[in-house]
Amino acid sequence: MNELTTEIIAALAQKQDLDEVFRHHLEIAINQLLQTELAEFLGYERYSYAGINTGNNRNGSYERSFDTKYDQLNLTIP
């Protein structure tokens, strides 16, 4: 079983709301997706020497909050 499945089972066993479990994993998935998209766009991974002196740099990130069905998601936008 993976982490999501384990957390769903635990929440169901304790009769907790599943929205928080989904919100947490959705937030993680979107943040990872944004980082992967940036690496593909730039052509190199974070901290890779391939990006040195290319002029195609990572210029930091900023935080944004989005209201969703599962409550507020805090995303790090590259």
PDB file of N, CA and C in Angstrom:
ATOM      1  N   MET A   1       0.840  -1.188   0.000  1.00  0.00           N
ATOM      2  CA  MET A   1       0.000   0.000   0.000  1.00  0.00           C
ATOM      3  C   MET A   1       0.882   1.247   0.000  1.00  0.00           C
ATOM      4  N   ASN A   2       0.369   2.292  -0.606  1.00  0.00           N
ATOM      5  CA  ASN A   2       1.115   3.545  -0.601  1.00  0.00           C
ATOM      6  C   ASN A   2       0.621   4.436   0.543  1.00  0.00           C
ATOM      7  N   GLU A   3       1.251   5.595   0.676  1.00  0.00           N
ATOM      8  CA  GLU A   3       0.945   6.491   1.792  1.00  0.00           C
ATOM      9  C   GLU A   3      -0.505   6.986   1.754  1.00  0.00           C
ATOM     10  N   LEU A   4      -0.998   7.325   0.565  1.00  0.00           N
ATOM     11  CA  LEU A   4      -2.373   7.806   0.433  1.00  0.00           C
ATOM     12  C   LEU A   4      -3.367   6.753   0.896  1.00  0.00           C
ATOM     13  N   THR A   5      -3.189   5.533   0.438  1.00  0.00           N
ATOM     14  CA  THR A   5      -4.086   4.446   0.819  1.00  0.00           C
ATOM     15  C   THR A   5      -4.070   4.230   2.319  1.00  0.00           C
ATOM     16  N   THR A   6      -2.896   4.250   2.912  1.00  0.00           N
ATOM     17  CA  THR A   6      -2.767   4.065   4.356  1.00  0.00           C
ATOM     18  C   THR A   6      -3.490   5.171   5.113  1.00  0.00           C
ATOM     19  N   GLU A   7      -3.339   6.405   4.662  1.00  0.00           N
ATOM     20  CA  GLU A   7      -3.997   7.524   5.332  1.00  0.00           C
ATOM     21  C   GLU A   7      -5.512   7.470   5.166  1.00  0.00           C
ATOM     22  N   ILE A   8      -5.991   7.046   4.014  1.00  0.00           N
ATOM     23  CA  ILE A   8      -7.441   6.911   3.802  1.00  0.00           C
ATOM     24  C   ILE A   8      -8.007   5.856   4.736  1.00  0.00           C
ATOM     25  N   ILE A   9      -7.339   4.721   4.823  1.00  0.00           N
ATOM     26  CA  ILE A   9      -7.808   3.652   5.706  1.00  0.00           C
ATOM     27  C   ILE A   9      -7.824   4.112   7.156  1.00  0.00           C
ATOM     28  N   ALA A  10      -6.771   4.813   7.581  1.00  0.00           N
ATOM     29  CA  ALA A  10      -6.701   5.311   8.955  1.00  0.00           C
ATOM     30  C   ALA A  10      -7.815   6.324   9.227  1.00  0.00           C
ATOM     31  N   ALA A  11      -8.077   7.219   8.276  1.00  0.00           N
ATOM     32  CA  ALA A  11      -9.131   8.216   8.455  1.00  0.00           C
ATOM     33  C   ALA A  11     -10.504   7.560   8.515  1.00  0.00           C
ATOM     34  N   LEU A  12     -10.721   6.567   7.676  1.00  0.00           N
ATOM     35  CA  LEU A  12     -12.002   5.855   7.705  1.00  0.00           C
ATOM     36  C   LEU A  12     -12.181   5.086   9.010  1.00  0.00           C
ATOM     37  N   ALA A  13     -11.106   4.476   9.487  1.00  0.00           N
ATOM     38  CA  ALA A  13     -11.179   3.716  10.740  1.00  0.00           C
ATOM     39  C   ALA A  13     -11.495   4.627  11.920  1.00  0.00           C
ATOM     40  N   GLN A  14     -10.999   5.868  11.865  1.00  0.00           N
ATOM     41  CA  GLN A  14     -11.232   6.820  12.963  1.00  0.00           C
ATOM     42  C   GLN A  14     -12.435   7.718  12.695  1.00  0.00           C
ATOM     43  N   LYS A  15     -13.150   7.438  11.622  1.00  0.00           N
ATOM     44  CA  LYS A  15     -14.344   8.188  11.217  1.00  0.00           C
ATOM     45  C   LYS A  15     -14.053   9.677  11.077  1.00  0.00           C
ATOM     46  N   GLN A  16     -12.917   9.982  10.429  1.00  0.00           N
ATOM     47  CA  GLN A  16     -12.531  11.358  10.161  1.00  0.00           C
ATOM     48  C   GLN A  16     -12.964  11.749   8.760  1.00  0.00           C
ATOM     49  N   ASP A  17     -12.954  13.044   8.512  1.00  0.00           N
ATOM     50  CA  ASP A  17     -13.307  13.579   7.200  1.00  0.00           C
ATOM     51  C   ASP A  17     -12.166  13.315   6.217  1.00  0.00           C
ATOM     52  N   LEU A  18     -12.470  12.805   5.043  1.00  0.00           N
ATOM     53  CA  LEU A  18     -11.449  12.499   4.046  1.00  0.00           C
ATOM     54  C   LEU A  18     -10.978  13.727   3.276  1.00  0.00           C
ATOM     55  N   ASP A  19     -11.698  14.835   3.376  1.00  0.00           N
ATOM     56  CA  ASP A  19     -11.316  16.035   2.629  1.00  0.00           C
ATOM     57  C   ASP A  19      -9.914  16.506   2.984  1.00  0.00           C
ATOM     58  N   GLU A  20      -9.530  16.442   4.250  1.00  0.00           N
ATOM     59  CA  GLU A  20      -8.193  16.890   4.652  1.00  0.00           C
ATOM     60  C   GLU A  20      -7.115  15.970   4.075  1.00  0.00           C
ATOM     61  N   VAL A  21      -7.361  14.688   4.037  1.00  0.00           N
ATOM     62  CA  VAL A  21      -6.405  13.747   3.441  1.00  0.00           C
ATOM     63  C   VAL A  21      -6.224  14.063   1.963  1.00  0.00           C
ATOM     64  N   PHE A  22      -7.327  14.267   1.240  1.00  0.00           N
ATOM     65  CA  PHE A  22      -7.249  14.589  -0.178  1.00  0.00           C
ATOM     66  C   PHE A  22      -6.589  15.940  -0.411  1.00  0.00           C
ATOM     67  N   ARG A  23      -6.908  16.936   0.423  1.00  0.00           N
ATOM     68  CA  ARG A  23      -6.323  18.267   0.289  1.00  0.00           C
ATOM     69  C   ARG A  23      -4.805  18.203   0.435  1.00  0.00           C
ATOM     70  N   HIS A  24      -4.355  17.492   1.451  1.00  0.00           N
ATOM     71  CA  HIS A  24      -2.917  17.371   1.711  1.00  0.00           C
ATOM     72  C   HIS A  24      -2.190  16.725   0.523  1.00  0.00           C
ATOM     73  N   HIS A  25      -2.713  15.640   0.018  1.00  0.00           N
ATOM     74  CA  HIS A  25      -2.059  14.938  -1.086  1.00  0.00           C
ATOM     75  C   HIS A  25      -2.195  15.696  -2.405  1.00  0.00           C
ATOM     76  N   LEU A  26      -3.283  16.401  -2.600  1.00  0.00           N
ATOM     77  CA  LEU A  26      -3.443  17.227  -3.799  1.00  0.00           C
ATOM     78  C   LEU A  26      -2.419  18.357  -3.794  1.00  0.00           C
ATOM     79  N   GLU A  27      -2.212  18.971  -2.640  1.00  0.00           N
ATOM     80  CA  GLU A  27      -1.226  20.041  -2.511  1.00  0.00           C
ATOM     81  C   GLU A  27       0.185  19.534  -2.822  1.00  0.00           C
ATOM     82  N   ILE A  28       0.541  18.386  -2.292  1.00  0.00           N
ATOM     83  CA  ILE A  28       1.858  17.792  -2.561  1.00  0.00           C
ATOM     84  C   ILE A  28       2.009  17.480  -4.048  1.00  0.00           C
ATOM     85  N   ALA A  29       0.977  16.875  -4.643  1.00  0.00           N
ATOM     86  CA  ALA A  29       1.042  16.480  -6.050  1.00  0.00           C
ATOM     87  C   ALA A  29       1.184  17.684  -6.970  1.00  0.00           C
ATOM     88  N   ILE A  30       0.437  18.742  -6.720  1.00  0.00           N
ATOM     89  CA  ILE A  30       0.519  19.923  -7.593  1.00  0.00           C
ATOM     90  C   ILE A  30       1.874  20.594  -7.449  1.00  0.00           C
ATOM     91  N   ASN A  31       2.398  20.706  -6.225  1.00  0.00           N
ATOM     92  CA  ASN A  31       3.723  21.309  -6.040  1.00  0.00           C
ATOM     93  C   ASN A  31       4.810  20.497  -6.743  1.00  0.00           C
ATOM     94  N   GLN A  32       4.725  19.178  -6.669  1.00  0.00           N
ATOM     95  CA  GLN A  32       5.702  18.340  -7.370  1.00  0.00           C
ATOM     96  C   GLN A  32       5.557  18.479  -8.878  1.00  0.00           C
ATOM     97  N   LEU A  33       4.336  18.571  -9.351  1.00  0.00           N
ATOM     98  CA  LEU A  33       4.082  18.756 -10.778  1.00  0.00           C
ATOM     99  C   LEU A  33       4.670  20.072 -11.282  1.00  0.00           C
ATOM    100  N   LEU A  34       4.513  21.136 -10.519  1.00  0.00           N
ATOM    101  CA  LEU A  34       5.068  22.431 -10.913  1.00  0.00           C
ATOM    102  C   LEU A  34       6.594  22.381 -10.984  1.00  0.00           C
ATOM    103  N   GLN A  35       7.234  21.716 -10.037  1.00  0.00           N
ATOM    104  CA  GLN A  35       8.692  21.597 -10.056  1.00  0.00           C
ATOM    105  C   GLN A  35       9.169  20.741 -11.233  1.00  0.00           C
ATOM    106  N   THR A  36       8.453  19.673 -11.523  1.00  0.00           N
ATOM    107  CA  THR A  36       8.804  18.805 -12.647  1.00  0.00           C
ATOM    108  C   THR A  36       8.627  19.546 -13.969  1.00  0.00           C
ATOM    109  N   GLU A  37       7.551  20.315 -14.077  1.00  0.00           N
ATOM    110  CA  GLU A  37       7.319  21.095 -15.294  1.00  0.00           C
ATOM    111  C   GLU A  37       8.440  22.112 -15.507  1.00  0.00           C
ATOM    112  N   LEU A  38       8.895  22.752 -14.440  1.00  0.00           N
ATOM    113  CA  LEU A  38       9.980  23.721 -14.546  1.00  0.00           C
ATOM    114  C   LEU A  38      11.268  23.045 -14.995  1.00  0.00           C
ATOM    115  N   ALA A  39      11.578  21.885 -14.423  1.00  0.00           N
ATOM    116  CA  ALA A  39      12.791  21.164 -14.806  1.00  0.00           C
ATOM    117  C   ALA A  39      12.746  20.757 -16.279  1.00  0.00           C
ATOM    118  N   GLU A  40      11.592  20.320 -16.756  1.00  0.00           N
ATOM    119  CA  GLU A  40      11.455  19.950 -18.166  1.00  0.00           C
ATOM    120  C   GLU A  40      11.592  21.172 -19.070  1.00  0.00           C
ATOM    121  N   PHE A  41      11.014  22.275 -18.660  1.00  0.00           N
ATOM    122  CA  PHE A  41      11.075  23.498 -19.456  1.00  0.00           C
ATOM    123  C   PHE A  41      12.513  24.009 -19.567  1.00  0.00           C
ATOM    124  N   LEU A  42      13.235  24.006 -18.436  1.00  0.00           N
ATOM    125  CA  LEU A  42      14.607  24.509 -18.433  1.00  0.00           C
ATOM    126  C   LEU A  42      15.604  23.513 -19.016  1.00  0.00           C
ATOM    127  N   GLY A  43      15.278  22.233 -18.947  1.00  0.00           N
ATOM    128  CA  GLY A  43      16.165  21.212 -19.493  1.00  0.00           C
ATOM    129  C   GLY A  43      17.196  20.689 -18.505  1.00  0.00           C
ATOM    130  N   TYR A  44      17.059  21.040 -17.241  1.00  0.00           N
ATOM    131  CA  TYR A  44      17.968  20.512 -16.217  1.00  0.00           C
ATOM    132  C   TYR A  44      17.271  20.507 -14.862  1.00  0.00           C
ATOM    133  N   GLU A  45      17.733  19.613 -13.991  1.00  0.00           N
ATOM    134  CA  GLU A  45      17.170  19.489 -12.652  1.00  0.00           C
ATOM    135  C   GLU A  45      17.736  20.560 -11.727  1.00  0.00           C
ATOM    136  N   ARG A  46      17.080  20.751 -10.632  1.00  0.00           N
ATOM    137  CA  ARG A  46      17.534  21.706  -9.620  1.00  0.00           C
ATOM    138  C   ARG A  46      18.927  21.324  -9.126  1.00  0.00           C
ATOM    139  N   TYR A  47      19.793  22.290  -8.932  1.00  0.00           N
ATOM    140  CA  TYR A  47      21.181  22.126  -8.470  1.00  0.00           C
ATOM    141  C   TYR A  47      22.078  21.396  -9.470  1.00  0.00           C
ATOM    142  N   SER A  48      21.650  21.248 -10.698  1.00  0.00           N
ATOM    143  CA  SER A  48      22.448  20.584 -11.714  1.00  0.00           C
ATOM    144  C   SER A  48      23.451  21.568 -12.315  1.00  0.00           C
ATOM    145  N   TYR A  49      24.648  21.069 -12.606  1.00  0.00           N
ATOM    146  CA  TYR A  49      25.667  21.896 -13.234  1.00  0.00           C
ATOM    147  C   TYR A  49      25.330  22.236 -14.684  1.00  0.00           C
ATOM    148  N   ALA A  50      24.398  21.512 -15.247  1.00  0.00           N
ATOM    149  CA  ALA A  50      24.017  21.759 -16.636  1.00  0.00           C
ATOM    150  C   ALA A  50      23.417  23.149 -16.831  1.00  0.00           C
ATOM    151  N   GLY A  51      22.898  23.756 -15.779  1.00  0.00           N
ATOM    152  CA  GLY A  51      22.261  25.057 -15.897  1.00  0.00           C
ATOM    153  C   GLY A  51      23.174  26.241 -15.650  1.00  0.00           C
ATOM    154  N   ILE A  52      24.424  25.983 -15.268  1.00  0.00           N
ATOM    155  CA  ILE A  52      25.344  27.076 -14.944  1.00  0.00           C
ATOM    156  C   ILE A  52      25.739  27.835 -16.209  1.00  0.00           C
ATOM    157  N   ASN A  53      25.650  29.148 -16.134  1.00  0.00           N
ATOM    158  CA  ASN A  53      26.018  30.063 -17.227  1.00  0.00           C
ATOM    159  C   ASN A  53      25.249  29.834 -18.527  1.00  0.00           C
ATOM    160  N   THR A  54      24.033  29.339 -18.425  1.00  0.00           N
ATOM    161  CA  THR A  54      23.228  29.160 -19.627  1.00  0.00           C
ATOM    162  C   THR A  54      22.312  30.356 -19.875  1.00  0.00           C
ATOM    163  N   GLY A  55      22.122  31.176 -18.854  1.00  0.00           N
ATOM    164  CA  GLY A  55      21.187  32.286 -18.969  1.00  0.00           C
ATOM    165  C   GLY A  55      19.749  31.840 -18.792  1.00  0.00           C
ATOM    166  N   ASN A  56      19.547  30.564 -18.602  1.00  0.00           N
ATOM    167  CA  ASN A  56      18.228  29.979 -18.419  1.00  0.00           C
ATOM    168  C   ASN A  56      18.148  29.499 -16.977  1.00  0.00           C
ATOM    169  N   ASN A  57      17.882  30.443 -16.060  1.00  0.00           N
ATOM    170  CA  ASN A  57      18.020  30.167 -14.637  1.00  0.00           C
ATOM    171  C   ASN A  57      16.688  30.040 -13.915  1.00  0.00           C
ATOM    172  N   ARG A  58      16.777  29.425 -12.763  1.00  0.00           N
ATOM    173  CA  ARG A  58      15.645  29.401 -11.832  1.00  0.00           C
ATOM    174  C   ARG A  58      15.703  30.704 -11.056  1.00  0.00           C
ATOM    175  N   ASN A  59      14.610  31.428 -11.036  1.00  0.00           N
ATOM    176  CA  ASN A  59      14.615  32.748 -10.408  1.00  0.00           C
ATOM    177  C   ASN A  59      13.754  32.790  -9.151  1.00  0.00           C
ATOM    178  N   GLY A  60      13.739  31.704  -8.406  1.00  0.00           N
ATOM    179  CA  GLY A  60      12.983  31.689  -7.162  1.00  0.00           C
ATOM    180  C   GLY A  60      11.543  31.282  -7.355  1.00  0.00           C
ATOM    181  N   SER A  61      10.767  31.504  -6.317  1.00  0.00           N
ATOM    182  CA  SER A  61       9.362  31.115  -6.335  1.00  0.00           C
ATOM    183  C   SER A  61       8.575  32.025  -5.396  1.00  0.00           C
ATOM    184  N   TYR A  62       7.269  31.894  -5.439  1.00  0.00           N
ATOM    185  CA  TYR A  62       6.401  32.650  -4.545  1.00  0.00           C
ATOM    186  C   TYR A  62       5.242  31.761  -4.121  1.00  0.00           C
ATOM    187  N   GLU A  63       4.656  32.088  -2.996  1.00  0.00           N
ATOM    188  CA  GLU A  63       3.557  31.307  -2.431  1.00  0.00           C
ATOM    189  C   GLU A  63       2.222  31.866  -2.917  1.00  0.00           C
ATOM    190  N   ARG A  64       1.308  30.975  -3.210  1.00  0.00           N
ATOM    191  CA  ARG A  64      -0.058  31.356  -3.564  1.00  0.00           C
ATOM    192  C   ARG A  64      -1.017  30.387  -2.879  1.00  0.00           C
ATOM    193  N   SER A  65      -2.154  30.904  -2.493  1.00  0.00           N
ATOM    194  CA  SER A  65      -3.200  30.082  -1.896  1.00  0.00           C
ATOM    195  C   SER A  65      -4.390  30.048  -2.841  1.00  0.00           C
ATOM    196  N   PHE A  66      -4.957  28.874  -3.005  1.00  0.00           N
ATOM    197  CA  PHE A  66      -6.112  28.689  -3.873  1.00  0.00           C
ATOM    198  C   PHE A  66      -7.216  27.993  -3.097  1.00  0.00           C
ATOM    199  N   ASP A  67      -8.422  28.512  -3.219  1.00  0.00           N
ATOM    200  CA  ASP A  67      -9.572  27.874  -2.585  1.00  0.00           C
ATOM    201  C   ASP A  67     -10.095  26.781  -3.513  1.00  0.00           C
ATOM    202  N   THR A  68     -10.257  25.600  -2.966  1.00  0.00           N
ATOM    203  CA  THR A  68     -10.749  24.465  -3.744  1.00  0.00           C
ATOM    204  C   THR A  68     -11.885  23.782  -2.989  1.00  0.00           C
ATOM    205  N   LYS A  69     -12.407  22.771  -3.585  1.00  0.00           N
ATOM    206  CA  LYS A  69     -13.450  21.974  -2.955  1.00  0.00           C
ATOM    207  C   LYS A  69     -12.960  21.378  -1.631  1.00  0.00           C
ATOM    208  N   TYR A  70     -11.675  21.090  -1.564  1.00  0.00           N
ATOM    209  CA  TYR A  70     -11.102  20.447  -0.376  1.00  0.00           C
ATOM    210  C   TYR A  70     -10.501  21.450   0.597  1.00  0.00           C
ATOM    211  N   ASP A  71     -10.778  22.723   0.460  1.00  0.00           N
ATOM    212  CA  ASP A  71     -10.276  23.807   1.307  1.00  0.00           C
ATOM    213  C   ASP A  71      -9.112  24.490   0.609  1.00  0.00           C
ATOM    214  N   GLN A  72      -8.353  25.230   1.340  1.00  0.00           N
ATOM    215  CA  GLN A  72      -7.305  26.064   0.749  1.00  0.00           C
ATOM    216  C   GLN A  72      -6.029  25.266   0.486  1.00  0.00           C
ATOM    217  N   LEU A  73      -5.500  25.404  -0.750  1.00  0.00           N
ATOM    218  CA  LEU A  73      -4.224  24.797  -1.121  1.00  0.00           C
ATOM    219  C   LEU A  73      -3.162  25.878  -1.113  1.00  0.00           C
ATOM    220  N   ASN A  74      -2.035  25.598  -0.471  1.00  0.00           N
ATOM    221  CA  ASN A  74      -0.902  26.510  -0.460  1.00  0.00           C
ATOM    222  C   ASN A  74       0.144  25.969  -1.426  1.00  0.00           C
ATOM    223  N   LEU A  75       0.320  26.676  -2.549  1.00  0.00           N
ATOM    224  CA  LEU A  75       1.211  26.211  -3.603  1.00  0.00           C
ATOM    225  C   LEU A  75       2.426  27.114  -3.710  1.00  0.00           C
ATOM    226  N   THR A  76       3.551  26.517  -4.069  1.00  0.00           N
ATOM    227  CA  THR A  76       4.774  27.237  -4.322  1.00  0.00           C
ATOM    228  C   THR A  76       4.953  27.321  -5.831  1.00  0.00           C
ATOM    229  N   ILE A  77       4.793  28.513  -6.360  1.00  0.00           N
ATOM    230  CA  ILE A  77       4.834  28.728  -7.804  1.00  0.00           C
ATOM    231  C   ILE A  77       6.254  29.103  -8.205  1.00  0.00           C
ATOM    232  N   PRO A  78       6.898  28.306  -9.076  1.00  0.00           N
ATOM    233  CA  PRO A  78       8.271  28.638  -9.490  1.00  0.00           C
ATOM    234  C   PRO A  78       8.289  29.840 -10.431  1.00  0.00           C
TER     235      PRO A  78
END
